[in-house]
Amino acid sequence: MKTGCVTFLASLALALPALVPATTGVQAQVRKDVSEYAGRRCSAPPRGSGIIFGQFSGVDDSPMVTMDGIVPVDRVRCFTSVSECKGWLYTMQSKYTNAGPATVARCTKR
């Protein structure tokens, strides 16, 4: 009984890394040094242009002390690399999700 239990636990320990998705490696690749003003301002580029199109839509607390509402934050930027776009999204989500989650946060290659 003990041998079977030990064998099962050993095989589980060896198989567990293969069963768990490797999300930490993907998250570690996100650049955290990207400014919210990174990239360049643009409208949606045409498909097939190869430009990375970043979109963010969220909310923030109102900067006015007398107002108790939230202010919409909508930003669109164009980038030359996916890593820079994802870093920009990380910065935007870190900065503008105090009052609620972002409704749109994506990088699309056009």
Protein backbone atom coordinates (compact mmCIF):
# COMPACT_ATOMS: atom_id res chain seq x y z
CA MET A 1 0.00 0.00 0.00
CA LYS A 2 2.77 2.44 0.97
CA THR A 3 4.77 1.63 -2.15
CA GLY A 4 1.75 2.26 -4.39
CA CYS A 5 1.05 5.59 -2.66
CA VAL A 6 4.67 6.71 -2.95
CA THR A 7 4.77 5.69 -6.62
CA PHE A 8 1.56 7.58 -7.31
CA LEU A 9 2.82 10.75 -5.59
CA ALA A 10 6.17 10.57 -7.39
CA SER A 11 4.51 10.18 -10.78
CA LEU A 12 2.10 13.01 -9.98
CA ALA A 13 5.02 15.28 -9.04
CA LEU A 14 6.71 14.52 -12.35
CA ALA A 15 3.55 14.95 -14.43
CA LEU A 16 2.25 18.11 -12.73
CA PRO A 17 4.45 20.62 -14.63
CA ALA A 18 3.20 19.19 -17.92
CA LEU A 19 -0.44 19.51 -16.84
CA VAL A 20 -0.28 23.10 -15.58
CA PRO A 21 -0.22 25.71 -18.37
CA ALA A 22 2.94 27.78 -18.48
CA THR A 23 1.35 31.20 -17.94
CA THR A 24 4.14 32.51 -15.74
CA GLY A 25 6.59 32.49 -18.67
CA VAL A 26 4.21 34.54 -20.79
CA GLN A 27 3.54 37.00 -18.00
CA ALA A 28 7.26 37.36 -17.34
CA GLN A 29 7.78 38.54 -20.93
CA VAL A 30 5.55 41.60 -20.52
CA ARG A 31 7.63 44.76 -20.39
CA LYS A 32 6.86 46.90 -17.38
CA ASP A 33 8.88 49.95 -18.43
CA VAL A 34 6.52 51.20 -21.15
CA SER A 35 4.99 54.66 -20.78
CA GLU A 36 1.29 55.29 -21.23
CA TYR A 37 2.33 57.63 -24.08
CA ALA A 38 4.36 54.94 -25.88
CA GLY A 39 3.74 54.17 -29.53
CA ARG A 40 2.13 56.76 -31.73
CA ARG A 41 -1.37 58.12 -31.95
CA CYS A 42 -3.31 56.65 -34.83
CA SER A 43 -6.66 55.52 -36.08
CA ALA A 44 -7.25 51.89 -37.06
CA PRO A 45 -4.59 51.00 -39.67
CA PRO A 46 -5.60 49.00 -42.75
CA ARG A 47 -5.44 45.20 -42.55
CA GLY A 48 -2.24 43.72 -43.91
CA SER A 49 -0.13 46.73 -42.90
CA GLY A 50 1.70 44.77 -40.17
CA ILE A 51 1.14 47.51 -37.61
CA ILE A 52 0.29 46.45 -34.05
CA PHE A 53 -2.91 48.21 -32.97
CA GLY A 54 -3.40 48.63 -29.22
CA GLN A 55 -6.78 49.48 -27.71
CA PHE A 56 -7.64 50.23 -24.09
CA SER A 57 -10.99 51.24 -22.67
CA GLY A 58 -11.56 51.50 -18.94
CA VAL A 59 -12.60 53.88 -16.18
CA ASP A 60 -10.88 55.95 -13.54
CA ASP A 61 -12.01 57.91 -10.51
CA SER A 62 -13.07 61.46 -11.26
CA PRO A 63 -10.24 63.96 -10.68
CA MET A 64 -12.74 66.49 -9.33
CA VAL A 65 -13.14 66.32 -5.56
CA THR A 66 -16.74 67.51 -5.69
CA MET A 67 -17.79 64.85 -8.22
CA ASP A 68 -18.35 61.27 -7.11
CA GLY A 69 -18.43 59.72 -10.56
CA ILE A 70 -16.07 57.84 -12.75
CA VAL A 71 -14.39 59.08 -15.91
CA PRO A 72 -14.07 56.94 -19.05
CA VAL A 73 -10.53 56.38 -20.33
CA ASP A 74 -10.24 55.41 -24.01
CA ARG A 75 -6.84 55.15 -25.69
CA VAL A 76 -5.70 53.85 -29.08
CA ARG A 77 -2.02 53.57 -30.05
CA CYS A 78 0.01 52.01 -32.86
CA PHE A 79 3.20 50.04 -32.20
CA THR A 80 5.92 48.30 -34.17
CA SER A 81 6.24 45.32 -31.79
CA VAL A 82 3.82 43.16 -29.83
CA SER A 83 6.00 43.30 -26.71
CA GLU A 84 5.81 47.10 -26.61
CA CYS A 85 2.03 46.97 -27.08
CA LYS A 86 1.59 44.42 -24.28
CA GLY A 87 3.81 46.52 -22.03
CA TRP A 88 1.63 49.54 -22.80
CA LEU A 89 -1.49 47.53 -21.92
CA TYR A 90 0.14 46.47 -18.65
CA THR A 91 0.82 50.12 -17.82
CA MET A 92 -2.72 51.18 -18.76
CA GLN A 93 -4.32 48.40 -16.73
CA SER A 94 -2.10 49.22 -13.75
CA LYS A 95 -2.98 52.90 -13.94
CA TYR A 96 -6.67 52.96 -14.93
CA THR A 97 -8.47 50.09 -13.22
CA ASN A 98 -9.01 51.67 -9.80
CA ALA A 99 -12.73 52.25 -10.36
CA GLY A 100 -13.45 49.03 -12.26
CA PRO A 101 -12.03 46.51 -14.71
CA ALA A 102 -11.08 47.45 -18.24
CA THR A 103 -13.72 46.68 -20.85
CA VAL A 104 -11.28 46.51 -23.79
CA ALA A 105 -7.57 45.74 -23.53
CA ARG A 106 -6.04 44.18 -26.62
CA CYS A 107 -3.22 44.23 -29.13
CA THR A 108 -4.09 43.30 -32.70
CA LYS A 109 -1.74 42.87 -35.65
CA ARG A 110 -3.33 44.58 -38.64
